[in-house]
Amino acid sequence: MRYERGPKPYEWPQGARLALSIVVNIEEGAEANIVDGDKYPEPVDEMGIALKRAVRNYGNESNYRYGLTRGGPRVMRLLEQYQLPVTFTACALALERAPELAAEIRRQARHEVTSHGYRWAHQFHMNEEQERAYIRQAVESLERTTGQRPQGWLSRYLLTDNTRRLLAEEGFVYHMDDYGDDEPSWDCSHVRPIVVMPYQVDNNDMKMWAEPSYTPDQWLKYALDNLQWSLEEGQHEVNMTSLGLHLRIIGRPGRIWALEKFFRHVQELNGQGAGIWVATRAQIAQHFAQHVAAQP
């Protein structure tokens, strides 16, 4: 921890003052459903409804499907318009069931696809053997649908004591289940070091899903304030900002405009020489690993 201002231990490419990681979570089609063997259907967060009965919630299935039918195209069109590279943290089953989205991600080419598990499910109840199989299942599936082997992993919040070690043993470059910093670090406590890429849940559009009274205006202001402070601090700190998005949330007509304003603001700042490096998490992790040695 550094309390004083001083020389940065390393720089982002071209002396950028901030690394911006845009993360688009793809979970639609991989959520809880009794058809897939789950005990209960996925809760409807926007309406505050959680069914504790083994029934199909057709309405909520369509709520998630909206992320694919309308939300996904809106987000993908914006990414194409602004030529921004993002990291898709994808539940593998979701992309198996959404081949058109997988094809569009491959067509745009600049993006990274990494793993959000095989399903949008908690893995904390798995033993080591089950968790390793779960990780391998996600990898094999994403390789088939996207042509990319995922380099990183994001759990559905809860994980096990074995998760990071298993990821390192399975050849993952980075792990995202960390909220304790604004820049990457090394975890060398296992046989193979792995980069820890922290994720900012406070900067996530999930706020508007869990609490519908939280408006797009509030979300945008928070995201822009976060960006501006981190950018100014980037004169003397190595900072990375994460922006977490979901197709079924930000992809609504009443919210997508806020994302467009954020993208436009980043573009305008860089046009003025602000120095924001918009990169995939794999690119950021690779740059970090090249400039900071892994030490036990």
Protein backbone atom coordinates (compact mmCIF):
# COMPACT_ATOMS: atom_id res chain seq x y z
CA MET A 1 0.00 0.00 0.00
CA ARG A 2 1.26 3.44 -0.93
CA TYR A 3 0.06 6.52 0.92
CA GLU A 4 2.49 8.93 -0.70
CA ARG A 5 2.60 10.01 -4.31
CA GLY A 6 5.60 8.76 -6.18
CA PRO A 7 6.85 7.32 -9.46
CA LYS A 8 4.62 4.62 -10.88
CA PRO A 9 6.18 1.14 -10.81
CA TYR A 10 5.21 0.65 -14.46
CA GLU A 11 3.24 2.40 -17.21
CA TRP A 12 0.34 1.39 -19.41
CA PRO A 13 1.05 1.33 -23.17
CA GLN A 14 1.97 4.71 -24.72
CA GLY A 15 1.99 6.21 -21.24
CA ALA A 16 -1.79 5.96 -20.86
CA ARG A 17 -3.06 7.29 -17.55
CA LEU A 18 -5.82 4.74 -17.19
CA ALA A 19 -6.70 1.24 -18.40
CA LEU A 20 -10.43 0.87 -19.05
CA SER A 21 -11.84 -2.66 -19.05
CA ILE A 22 -15.39 -2.97 -20.41
CA VAL A 23 -16.90 -6.28 -19.33
CA VAL A 24 -20.10 -7.59 -20.94
CA ASN A 25 -21.58 -10.52 -19.02
CA ILE A 26 -23.52 -13.07 -21.07
CA GLU A 27 -25.76 -15.11 -18.79
CA GLU A 28 -29.05 -15.30 -20.69
CA GLY A 29 -30.11 -18.89 -21.29
CA ALA A 30 -27.79 -20.23 -18.58
CA GLU A 31 -29.81 -19.05 -15.58
CA ALA A 32 -31.65 -21.38 -13.18
CA ASN A 33 -34.51 -23.30 -14.77
CA ILE A 34 -36.21 -26.51 -13.64
CA VAL A 35 -35.93 -27.74 -17.25
CA ASP A 36 -32.15 -27.78 -16.72
CA GLY A 37 -32.48 -29.71 -13.48
CA ASP A 38 -32.57 -26.80 -11.03
CA LYS A 39 -34.75 -26.93 -7.94
CA TYR A 40 -36.21 -23.44 -8.48
CA PRO A 41 -36.40 -20.96 -11.36
CA GLU A 42 -34.18 -17.87 -11.41
CA PRO A 43 -35.59 -14.92 -9.37
CA VAL A 44 -37.02 -11.96 -11.26
CA ASP A 45 -34.86 -9.25 -9.75
CA GLU A 46 -36.47 -6.29 -11.50
CA MET A 47 -39.84 -7.22 -10.01
CA GLY A 48 -38.60 -8.59 -6.69
CA ILE A 49 -40.17 -12.00 -7.25
CA ALA A 50 -38.46 -15.21 -6.09
CA LEU A 51 -40.43 -18.42 -6.57
CA LYS A 52 -39.62 -21.23 -4.16
CA ARG A 53 -41.59 -23.77 -6.14
CA ALA A 54 -40.44 -26.21 -8.81
CA VAL A 55 -42.37 -24.54 -11.63
CA ARG A 56 -41.29 -23.02 -14.92
CA ASN A 57 -41.32 -19.25 -14.86
CA TYR A 58 -42.06 -18.59 -18.52
CA GLY A 59 -42.30 -14.85 -17.94
CA ASN A 60 -38.83 -14.65 -16.45
CA GLU A 61 -37.39 -16.85 -19.18
CA SER A 62 -38.63 -14.26 -21.66
CA ASN A 63 -37.16 -11.51 -19.46
CA TYR A 64 -33.74 -13.11 -19.90
CA ARG A 65 -34.37 -13.89 -23.57
CA TYR A 66 -34.82 -10.17 -24.17
CA GLY A 67 -31.09 -9.80 -23.60
CA LEU A 68 -30.51 -11.91 -26.70
CA THR A 69 -33.32 -10.73 -28.96
CA ARG A 70 -32.95 -6.98 -28.43
CA GLY A 71 -30.35 -6.15 -25.80
CA GLY A 72 -27.51 -8.03 -27.48
CA PRO A 73 -27.93 -6.38 -30.91
CA ARG A 74 -28.11 -2.91 -29.32
CA VAL A 75 -24.90 -3.45 -27.36
CA MET A 76 -23.08 -5.02 -30.30
CA ARG A 77 -24.06 -2.14 -32.60
CA LEU A 78 -22.65 0.38 -30.12
CA LEU A 79 -19.40 -1.56 -29.82
CA GLU A 80 -19.10 -1.61 -33.60
CA GLN A 81 -19.89 2.10 -33.84
CA TYR A 82 -17.23 3.11 -31.32
CA GLN A 83 -14.75 0.36 -32.28
CA LEU A 84 -14.22 -0.58 -28.66
CA PRO A 85 -12.69 -3.91 -27.56
CA VAL A 86 -14.46 -5.59 -24.67
CA THR A 87 -14.20 -8.74 -22.62
CA PHE A 88 -17.28 -10.94 -22.80
CA THR A 89 -17.51 -12.97 -19.62
CA ALA A 90 -19.75 -15.67 -21.02
CA CYS A 91 -21.57 -18.56 -19.45
CA ALA A 92 -20.68 -21.26 -21.94
CA LEU A 93 -24.18 -22.69 -22.14
CA ALA A 94 -25.56 -19.23 -22.95
CA LEU A 95 -23.44 -19.02 -26.11
CA GLU A 96 -24.29 -22.61 -27.05
CA ARG A 97 -27.92 -21.49 -27.08
CA ALA A 98 -27.25 -18.16 -28.81
CA PRO A 99 -25.22 -19.03 -31.95
CA GLU A 100 -26.09 -15.73 -33.68
CA LEU A 101 -24.56 -13.74 -30.81
CA ALA A 102 -21.48 -15.97 -30.82
CA ALA A 103 -21.14 -15.40 -34.58
CA GLU A 104 -21.39 -11.62 -34.17
CA ILE A 105 -18.72 -11.64 -31.47
CA ARG A 106 -16.45 -13.62 -33.79
CA ARG A 107 -17.20 -11.25 -36.70
CA GLN A 108 -16.23 -8.14 -34.75
CA ALA A 109 -12.95 -9.90 -33.93
CA ARG A 110 -11.48 -7.31 -31.54
CA HIS A 111 -13.20 -8.78 -28.49
CA GLU A 112 -12.08 -11.34 -25.93
CA VAL A 113 -14.37 -14.11 -24.71
CA THR A 114 -13.59 -15.46 -21.28
CA SER A 115 -15.40 -17.78 -18.88
CA HIS A 116 -18.25 -16.99 -16.52
CA GLY A 117 -18.69 -20.70 -15.79
CA TYR A 118 -20.54 -23.28 -17.82
CA ARG A 119 -23.85 -22.04 -16.41
CA TRP A 120 -24.78 -18.94 -14.44
CA ALA A 121 -24.58 -20.99 -11.28
CA HIS A 122 -22.81 -20.99 -7.94
CA GLN A 123 -19.91 -23.43 -7.76
CA PHE A 124 -19.27 -23.12 -4.02
CA HIS A 125 -21.05 -26.43 -3.32
CA MET A 126 -18.77 -28.43 -5.64
CA ASN A 127 -15.98 -30.66 -4.44
CA GLU A 128 -12.58 -30.43 -6.15
CA GLU A 129 -13.27 -33.10 -8.74
CA GLN A 130 -16.64 -31.59 -9.67
CA GLU A 131 -15.23 -28.09 -9.90
CA ARG A 132 -12.35 -29.14 -12.14
CA ALA A 133 -14.81 -30.90 -14.46
CA TYR A 134 -17.02 -27.79 -14.44
CA ILE A 135 -14.08 -25.59 -15.42
CA ARG A 136 -13.04 -27.94 -18.22
CA GLN A 137 -16.61 -28.18 -19.50
CA ALA A 138 -16.80 -24.39 -19.79
CA VAL A 139 -13.45 -24.20 -21.60
CA GLU A 140 -14.33 -26.89 -24.12
CA SER A 141 -17.70 -25.31 -24.84
CA LEU A 142 -16.36 -21.77 -25.35
CA GLU A 143 -13.62 -23.06 -27.64
CA ARG A 144 -16.31 -24.64 -29.81
CA THR A 145 -18.64 -21.64 -29.97
CA THR A 146 -16.12 -18.79 -30.17
CA GLY A 147 -12.90 -20.29 -31.47
CA GLN A 148 -11.11 -18.85 -28.42
CA ARG A 149 -9.76 -20.61 -25.37
CA PRO A 150 -10.78 -18.48 -22.37
CA GLN A 151 -7.84 -16.93 -20.53
CA GLY A 152 -9.78 -15.69 -17.51
CA TRP A 153 -12.52 -16.75 -15.14
CA LEU A 154 -15.33 -14.98 -13.30
CA SER A 155 -17.51 -16.98 -10.92
CA ARG A 156 -21.06 -16.14 -9.97
CA TYR A 157 -19.70 -14.40 -6.90
CA LEU A 158 -19.30 -17.45 -4.65
CA LEU A 159 -16.35 -19.78 -5.17
CA THR A 160 -14.35 -22.39 -3.28
CA ASP A 161 -10.98 -22.65 -1.60
CA ASN A 162 -9.85 -24.64 -4.64
CA THR A 163 -11.04 -22.33 -7.43
CA ARG A 164 -7.95 -20.22 -8.06
CA ARG A 165 -5.55 -23.16 -7.71
CA LEU A 166 -7.63 -25.18 -10.19
CA LEU A 167 -7.69 -22.28 -12.63
CA ALA A 168 -3.91 -21.96 -12.42
CA GLU A 169 -3.47 -25.71 -12.94
CA GLU A 170 -5.83 -25.61 -15.95
CA GLY A 171 -3.71 -22.93 -17.62
CA PHE A 172 -5.79 -19.80 -17.00
CA VAL A 173 -3.90 -16.52 -17.22
CA TYR A 174 -6.06 -14.47 -14.87
CA HIS A 175 -8.81 -14.68 -12.28
CA MET A 176 -11.49 -11.99 -11.78
CA ASP A 177 -13.07 -12.97 -8.46
CA ASP A 178 -11.42 -10.13 -6.56
CA TYR A 179 -12.68 -6.69 -5.56
CA GLY A 180 -9.74 -5.53 -3.46
CA ASP A 181 -7.73 -3.23 -5.74
CA ASP A 182 -7.74 -1.02 -8.82
CA GLU A 183 -4.86 -2.72 -10.60
CA PRO A 184 -3.69 -6.28 -11.32
CA SER A 185 -1.51 -8.31 -8.99
CA TRP A 186 0.08 -11.75 -8.84
CA ASP A 187 -1.08 -14.75 -6.85
CA CYS A 188 2.00 -16.97 -6.56
CA SER A 189 0.66 -19.25 -3.85
CA HIS A 190 0.10 -22.13 -6.27
CA VAL A 191 2.34 -24.19 -8.53
CA ARG A 192 1.69 -21.82 -11.42
CA PRO A 193 1.34 -18.04 -10.81
CA ILE A 194 -1.89 -16.43 -11.95
CA VAL A 195 -2.75 -12.76 -12.48
CA VAL A 196 -5.51 -11.39 -10.26
CA MET A 197 -7.62 -8.94 -12.28
CA PRO A 198 -9.92 -7.07 -9.87
CA TYR A 199 -13.48 -6.29 -10.89
CA GLN A 200 -15.49 -3.23 -9.80
CA VAL A 201 -18.98 -4.30 -8.78
CA ASP A 202 -19.79 -0.74 -7.72
CA ASN A 203 -19.50 0.35 -11.37
CA ASN A 204 -21.89 -2.35 -12.59
CA ASP A 205 -25.26 -1.95 -14.31
CA MET A 206 -26.55 -4.74 -12.03
CA LYS A 207 -27.55 -1.95 -9.64
CA MET A 208 -30.42 -1.12 -12.01
CA TRP A 209 -31.55 -4.77 -12.04
CA ALA A 210 -31.42 -5.39 -8.31
CA GLU A 211 -32.86 -1.97 -7.46
CA PRO A 212 -35.04 -0.61 -10.29
CA SER A 213 -35.34 2.80 -8.60
CA TYR A 214 -31.62 3.25 -9.35
CA THR A 215 -31.89 5.17 -12.61
CA PRO A 216 -29.69 5.22 -15.73
CA ASP A 217 -28.86 8.85 -14.92
CA GLN A 218 -27.49 7.81 -11.54
CA TRP A 219 -25.56 4.91 -13.06
CA LEU A 220 -24.05 7.13 -15.76
CA LYS A 221 -23.04 9.84 -13.30
CA TYR A 222 -21.36 7.27 -11.06
CA ALA A 223 -19.53 5.67 -13.99
CA LEU A 224 -18.31 9.04 -15.29
CA ASP A 225 -17.25 10.23 -11.83
CA ASN A 226 -15.37 6.95 -11.33
CA LEU A 227 -13.66 7.38 -14.69
CA GLN A 228 -12.70 11.01 -14.09
CA TRP A 229 -11.24 10.47 -10.62
CA SER A 230 -9.28 7.40 -11.73
CA LEU A 231 -7.99 9.27 -14.78
CA GLU A 232 -6.74 12.21 -12.72
CA GLU A 233 -5.19 9.85 -10.17
CA GLY A 234 -3.50 8.06 -13.08
CA GLN A 235 -0.86 10.76 -13.17
CA HIS A 236 0.77 9.08 -10.17
CA GLU A 237 -1.05 5.74 -9.75
CA VAL A 238 -1.43 2.64 -11.94
CA ASN A 239 -5.21 2.46 -12.21
CA MET A 240 -7.65 0.19 -14.00
CA THR A 241 -11.36 0.91 -14.21
CA SER A 242 -13.94 -1.83 -14.86
CA LEU A 243 -17.37 -1.19 -16.36
CA GLY A 244 -19.66 -4.21 -15.88
CA LEU A 245 -22.61 -4.65 -18.27
CA HIS A 246 -25.39 -7.15 -18.96
CA LEU A 247 -27.33 -7.55 -22.22
CA ARG A 248 -30.72 -7.84 -20.49
CA ILE A 249 -30.06 -4.77 -18.33
CA ILE A 250 -28.16 -2.07 -20.21
CA GLY A 251 -29.68 -3.29 -23.50
CA ARG A 252 -33.10 -1.79 -22.72
CA PRO A 253 -34.23 1.31 -24.66
CA GLY A 254 -34.48 3.30 -21.42
CA ARG A 255 -30.86 2.48 -20.47
CA ILE A 256 -28.80 1.97 -23.63
CA TRP A 257 -28.53 5.72 -24.15
CA ALA A 258 -26.50 5.96 -20.91
CA LEU A 259 -23.94 3.49 -22.26
CA GLU A 260 -23.73 5.42 -25.53
CA LYS A 261 -23.06 8.63 -23.58
CA PHE A 262 -20.32 6.88 -21.63
CA PHE A 263 -18.66 5.60 -24.81
CA ARG A 264 -18.92 9.03 -26.44
CA HIS A 265 -17.36 10.68 -23.39
CA VAL A 266 -14.40 8.27 -23.48
CA GLN A 267 -13.97 8.97 -27.19
CA GLU A 268 -14.05 12.73 -26.60
CA LEU A 269 -11.56 12.53 -23.73
CA ASN A 270 -9.14 10.53 -25.83
CA GLY A 271 -9.61 13.00 -28.67
CA GLN A 272 -8.33 15.62 -26.23
CA GLY A 273 -5.32 13.45 -25.34
CA ALA A 274 -6.61 12.13 -22.00
CA GLY A 275 -4.81 8.79 -22.35
CA ILE A 276 -7.44 6.14 -21.67
CA TRP A 277 -6.31 2.71 -22.84
CA VAL A 278 -9.45 0.73 -23.64
CA ALA A 279 -8.38 -2.91 -23.65
CA THR A 280 -9.55 -6.45 -23.03
CA ARG A 281 -8.73 -8.00 -19.71
CA ALA A 282 -6.39 -10.45 -21.44
CA GLN A 283 -4.46 -7.52 -22.94
CA ILE A 284 -4.23 -5.80 -19.56
CA ALA A 285 -3.14 -9.00 -17.81
CA GLN A 286 -0.52 -9.68 -20.48
CA HIS A 287 0.89 -6.15 -20.23
CA PHE A 288 1.04 -6.42 -16.44
CA ALA A 289 2.80 -9.79 -16.61
CA GLN A 290 5.39 -8.39 -19.03
CA HIS A 291 6.26 -5.51 -16.70
CA VAL A 292 5.87 -6.95 -13.21
CA ALA A 293 7.69 -10.14 -12.28
CA ALA A 294 5.82 -12.86 -10.43
CA GLN A 295 7.46 -13.26 -7.05
CA PRO A 296 6.57 -15.84 -4.36
